[in-house]
Protein backbone atom coordinates (compact mmCIF):
# COMPACT_ATOMS: atom_id res chain seq x y z
CA MET A 1 100.61 -25.64 -116.30
CA LEU A 2 98.81 -23.79 -113.27
CA LYS A 3 95.15 -22.69 -113.55
CA ASN A 4 93.61 -19.95 -110.71
CA ILE A 5 94.77 -21.25 -107.42
CA LYS A 6 92.43 -22.96 -105.09
CA PHE A 7 93.74 -25.15 -102.59
CA ILE A 8 96.40 -22.82 -99.73
CA ILE A 9 98.76 -25.93 -98.23
CA PHE A 10 99.93 -24.55 -94.84
CA ASP A 11 103.05 -26.23 -93.11
CA LEU A 12 102.25 -25.64 -89.07
CA ASP A 13 105.13 -24.69 -87.36
CA GLY A 14 107.17 -21.58 -87.88
CA THR A 15 104.58 -20.89 -90.28
CA LEU A 16 101.26 -20.69 -88.65
CA ILE A 17 102.93 -21.35 -84.84
CA ASP A 18 105.69 -21.29 -82.55
CA SER A 19 105.32 -24.34 -80.59
CA SER A 20 108.88 -24.15 -79.53
CA ASP A 21 108.20 -24.14 -75.88
CA GLY A 22 106.70 -27.79 -75.45
CA VAL A 23 109.22 -28.50 -78.00
CA VAL A 24 111.89 -28.17 -76.19
CA GLU A 25 110.52 -29.67 -72.98
CA ALA A 26 109.37 -32.63 -74.46
CA VAL A 27 113.11 -33.24 -76.38
CA ASN A 28 114.61 -32.48 -73.22
CA TYR A 29 112.22 -35.19 -71.13
CA SER A 30 113.09 -37.36 -73.53
CA LEU A 31 117.04 -37.29 -73.03
CA THR A 32 116.64 -36.88 -68.87
CA MET A 33 115.16 -39.87 -69.26
CA MET A 34 117.87 -41.71 -71.38
CA GLY A 35 120.16 -40.67 -69.01
CA GLU A 36 121.30 -37.95 -71.14
CA GLN A 37 122.07 -34.14 -70.53
CA PRO A 38 118.84 -31.74 -71.31
CA GLN A 39 119.90 -28.88 -73.76
CA HIS A 40 120.09 -25.65 -74.63
CA PRO A 41 117.12 -23.74 -76.11
CA GLU A 42 118.59 -22.61 -79.05
CA LYS A 43 120.68 -26.03 -80.13
CA ILE A 44 116.90 -27.34 -80.46
CA LYS A 45 114.87 -24.41 -81.68
CA PRO A 46 116.86 -24.54 -85.51
CA PHE A 47 115.62 -28.30 -85.55
CA ILE A 48 111.88 -27.65 -84.94
CA GLY A 49 109.90 -28.37 -87.78
CA PHE A 50 111.97 -31.45 -88.66
CA PRO A 51 111.47 -34.72 -88.43
CA LEU A 52 112.97 -35.81 -84.79
CA GLN A 53 114.99 -37.89 -86.74
CA THR A 54 117.12 -35.51 -88.22
CA MET A 55 117.48 -33.54 -84.95
CA TYR A 56 118.26 -37.23 -82.04
CA PRO A 57 121.58 -37.95 -83.40
CA HIS A 58 123.15 -34.54 -82.80
CA PHE A 59 122.41 -34.40 -79.10
CA SER A 60 122.55 -38.81 -77.51
CA ASP A 61 123.32 -42.30 -79.72
CA LYS A 62 120.90 -43.69 -77.73
CA PRO A 63 117.47 -44.98 -79.62
CA ILE A 64 115.40 -43.03 -81.13
CA ASP A 65 113.08 -45.18 -81.47
CA ASP A 66 113.28 -44.92 -77.71
CA LEU A 67 113.67 -41.16 -77.14
CA TYR A 68 110.69 -40.67 -79.87
CA ARG A 69 108.54 -43.00 -76.79
CA HIS A 70 109.83 -40.05 -74.57
CA PHE A 71 109.36 -37.34 -76.34
CA GLN A 72 105.11 -37.97 -77.18
CA VAL A 73 104.30 -38.29 -73.84
CA LYS A 74 105.59 -35.71 -72.61
CA ALA A 75 104.60 -33.62 -75.72
CA ALA A 76 101.27 -35.04 -74.85
CA GLU A 77 101.34 -32.34 -71.80
CA THR A 78 103.07 -29.60 -73.28
CA VAL A 79 103.37 -28.85 -77.22
CA VAL A 80 99.52 -27.90 -78.22
CA SER A 81 99.20 -25.75 -74.46
CA SER A 82 101.89 -23.55 -74.93
CA THR A 83 101.86 -23.03 -78.48
CA ILE A 84 100.78 -19.77 -79.50
CA GLN A 85 99.71 -18.64 -82.79
CA LEU A 86 102.87 -16.21 -84.75
CA ASP A 87 101.63 -12.64 -85.36
CA ALA A 88 98.74 -12.15 -88.02
CA VAL A 89 98.38 -15.42 -88.81
CA GLU A 90 94.80 -15.45 -87.98
CA PRO A 91 93.73 -12.71 -89.56
CA THR A 92 95.48 -13.27 -92.44
CA LEU A 93 93.69 -16.86 -92.52
CA GLN A 94 90.28 -15.44 -91.83
CA GLU A 95 91.18 -13.07 -95.09
CA LEU A 96 92.23 -15.83 -97.17
CA LYS A 97 88.86 -17.70 -96.64
CA ASP A 98 86.78 -15.46 -97.22
CA SER A 99 88.17 -14.20 -100.64
CA GLY A 100 87.52 -18.39 -101.55
CA TYR A 101 90.56 -20.04 -100.78
CA ILE A 102 90.46 -23.58 -99.08
CA LEU A 103 92.80 -23.67 -96.69
CA SER A 104 94.16 -27.17 -94.94
CA ILE A 105 97.48 -27.82 -92.88
CA ALA A 106 100.09 -30.23 -93.88
CA SER A 107 102.75 -31.01 -91.35
CA THR A 108 105.48 -32.61 -89.33
CA LYS A 109 103.81 -32.86 -85.98
CA ILE A 110 101.82 -35.26 -85.58
CA LYS A 111 98.41 -36.11 -86.35
CA GLU A 112 96.49 -35.54 -82.74
CA HIS A 113 98.85 -32.52 -81.73
CA ILE A 114 97.58 -31.00 -84.99
CA SER A 115 94.01 -31.53 -84.26
CA GLY A 116 94.47 -30.07 -81.32
CA VAL A 117 96.63 -26.44 -82.02
CA ILE A 118 92.92 -26.28 -84.58
CA ASP A 119 90.72 -27.09 -81.33
CA LYS A 120 92.71 -24.15 -79.58
CA PHE A 121 92.78 -21.27 -81.10
CA ASN A 122 88.40 -22.70 -82.78
CA TRP A 123 90.24 -22.80 -86.86
CA HIS A 124 87.29 -25.13 -87.76
CA ASN A 125 85.71 -22.86 -90.27
CA LEU A 126 89.22 -22.43 -91.57
CA ILE A 127 90.78 -25.48 -92.21
CA THR A 128 89.89 -27.44 -94.62
CA ALA A 129 91.79 -30.25 -94.12
CA TYR A 130 95.44 -31.72 -92.22
CA SER A 131 97.45 -34.76 -92.43
CA GLY A 132 100.30 -35.33 -89.93
CA GLY A 133 103.37 -36.73 -89.82
CA ASN A 134 101.93 -40.30 -88.68
CA GLU A 135 99.96 -40.44 -91.59
CA VAL A 136 102.56 -41.37 -94.35
CA ALA A 137 105.35 -43.39 -94.80
CA GLU A 138 108.09 -40.36 -95.48
CA VAL A 139 107.77 -37.12 -94.16
CA LYS A 140 109.09 -33.42 -95.67
CA PRO A 141 110.78 -33.45 -97.43
CA ALA A 142 109.54 -35.69 -98.90
CA PRO A 143 106.13 -35.19 -100.75
CA ASP A 144 104.09 -37.95 -99.43
CA ILE A 145 102.53 -35.50 -96.89
CA PHE A 146 101.74 -33.04 -99.03
CA LYS A 147 100.04 -35.47 -101.53
CA LEU A 148 97.96 -37.06 -98.81
CA THR A 149 96.98 -33.28 -98.85
CA MET A 150 95.74 -32.95 -101.79
CA GLN A 151 93.64 -35.82 -102.27
CA LYS A 152 92.06 -35.18 -99.15
CA LEU A 153 90.86 -31.48 -100.46
CA SER A 154 90.36 -33.37 -104.03
CA ALA A 155 93.15 -30.62 -105.33
CA ASP A 156 96.08 -31.18 -107.55
CA LYS A 157 98.86 -29.51 -108.92
CA THR A 158 97.21 -27.07 -110.89
CA ASN A 159 95.71 -25.51 -107.99
CA ALA A 160 97.25 -26.05 -105.33
CA ILE A 161 100.20 -24.32 -103.27
CA VAL A 162 102.25 -24.37 -100.26
CA VAL A 163 103.29 -21.89 -97.76
CA GLY A 164 106.07 -22.94 -95.52
CA ASP A 165 109.34 -21.83 -93.70
CA THR A 166 111.65 -24.65 -93.78
CA ILE A 167 113.85 -26.31 -96.85
CA ASN A 168 111.80 -29.14 -95.99
CA ASP A 169 108.71 -27.62 -96.99
CA VAL A 170 110.35 -26.18 -100.36
CA ILE A 171 112.48 -29.57 -101.35
CA ALA A 172 108.75 -31.41 -100.21
CA ALA A 173 106.51 -29.06 -102.09
CA GLN A 174 109.11 -28.75 -105.04
CA LYS A 175 108.70 -33.19 -105.44
CA ALA A 176 105.25 -32.89 -105.30
CA GLY A 177 105.04 -30.87 -108.19
CA LEU A 178 103.00 -27.75 -106.58
CA PRO A 179 104.52 -23.83 -106.53
CA VAL A 180 105.86 -22.65 -102.71
CA ILE A 181 105.76 -19.28 -101.29
CA ALA A 182 108.86 -19.70 -97.92
CA VAL A 183 107.94 -17.22 -95.09
CA ARG A 184 111.40 -16.36 -93.25
CA SER A 185 110.82 -17.57 -89.46
CA PRO A 186 113.52 -17.49 -86.59
CA TYR A 187 113.41 -21.63 -87.36
CA GLY A 188 114.82 -21.57 -90.11
CA ASP A 189 117.99 -20.17 -91.96
CA ASP A 190 118.52 -17.67 -94.41
CA GLU A 191 120.90 -18.88 -96.93
CA GLU A 192 120.19 -22.50 -97.34
CA LEU A 193 115.90 -21.28 -98.30
CA LYS A 194 117.18 -19.33 -100.70
CA LYS A 195 119.64 -21.98 -102.54
CA SER A 196 115.83 -24.04 -102.08
CA LYS A 197 114.68 -22.31 -105.12
CA PRO A 198 110.69 -21.24 -103.83
CA ASN A 199 108.40 -19.48 -105.88
CA TYR A 200 108.46 -16.77 -103.88
CA ILE A 201 110.33 -16.22 -100.08
CA VAL A 202 108.16 -13.47 -98.40
CA ASP A 203 108.55 -11.49 -94.79
CA HIS A 204 105.70 -11.84 -93.40
CA ILE A 205 103.18 -14.60 -94.21
CA THR A 206 100.93 -10.73 -94.52
CA GLU A 207 102.13 -10.52 -98.11
CA ILE A 208 101.23 -14.07 -99.54
CA LYS A 209 97.25 -13.41 -99.99
CA LYS A 210 98.83 -10.37 -103.31
CA ILE A 211 101.06 -13.56 -104.47
CA ILE A 212 98.50 -15.79 -104.54
CA ASP A 213 96.14 -13.68 -106.10
CA ILE A 214 97.80 -12.77 -109.17
CA MET A 215 99.15 -16.73 -109.83
C-alpha cells in the first residue's frame, strides 16, 4: 500500500536529457572499428536507453564485448559533452526538490557518465543518489537498478515512484513493485508504452508533480 510519495527515481536518457548525438557517434565509432558500416542516426536512436546488448545484434554479428569496449572509448569523449537537458527539466527538478521530494537517477548508463551529467548541469543540490548500469548484475528491464537506488535512499516500494520514458523503465519498475509514470519521448514507441501499462502516461515532465502530489 502506498504511503505519501517521498522519493522520485528518474530514468536519465529521454526522461531528463538527450544524449543521442554522443551515443550515435560512439556506436558508429565502435561499428567502424570492428569493420562494420556506420548506421544512420535514426536507426540508432530508438535503442537509446536500452542495453547496448539489445542494439548491437541489429547492426553487427561481431562480439558484443569488443563492440562495447570501442563504444566506451568514444563515449568517454562524446556522450557527456554532447548531452543537453530536455525542455523544462531543471525547473521541474527544482520545484520537486523545493516541495520536499528526494530525487535520484537510475540509468542503464554507466555510473561515471551519470556523474558527468550531474557535474555538467550542476545538479548536485538536486540529485541525492544515482545508480548506473555497471553497478548491477542485470540492467533494465530487470529491477536491479531500482532496487539498488532504493537501498541508497533508504526508500521502499510504499514511498517511492519511478519516472521513465521506455517500456524497459515501466517493466523494471513493475518488477521492483514500484508505481511508474511514463513520459512520452521521441525515443519511445507510444503503443508499446501503453501496452506496458504504467500507472500514468504524460506528455511532458512538467505534468508529473500534480500526479505525485495526490498519490
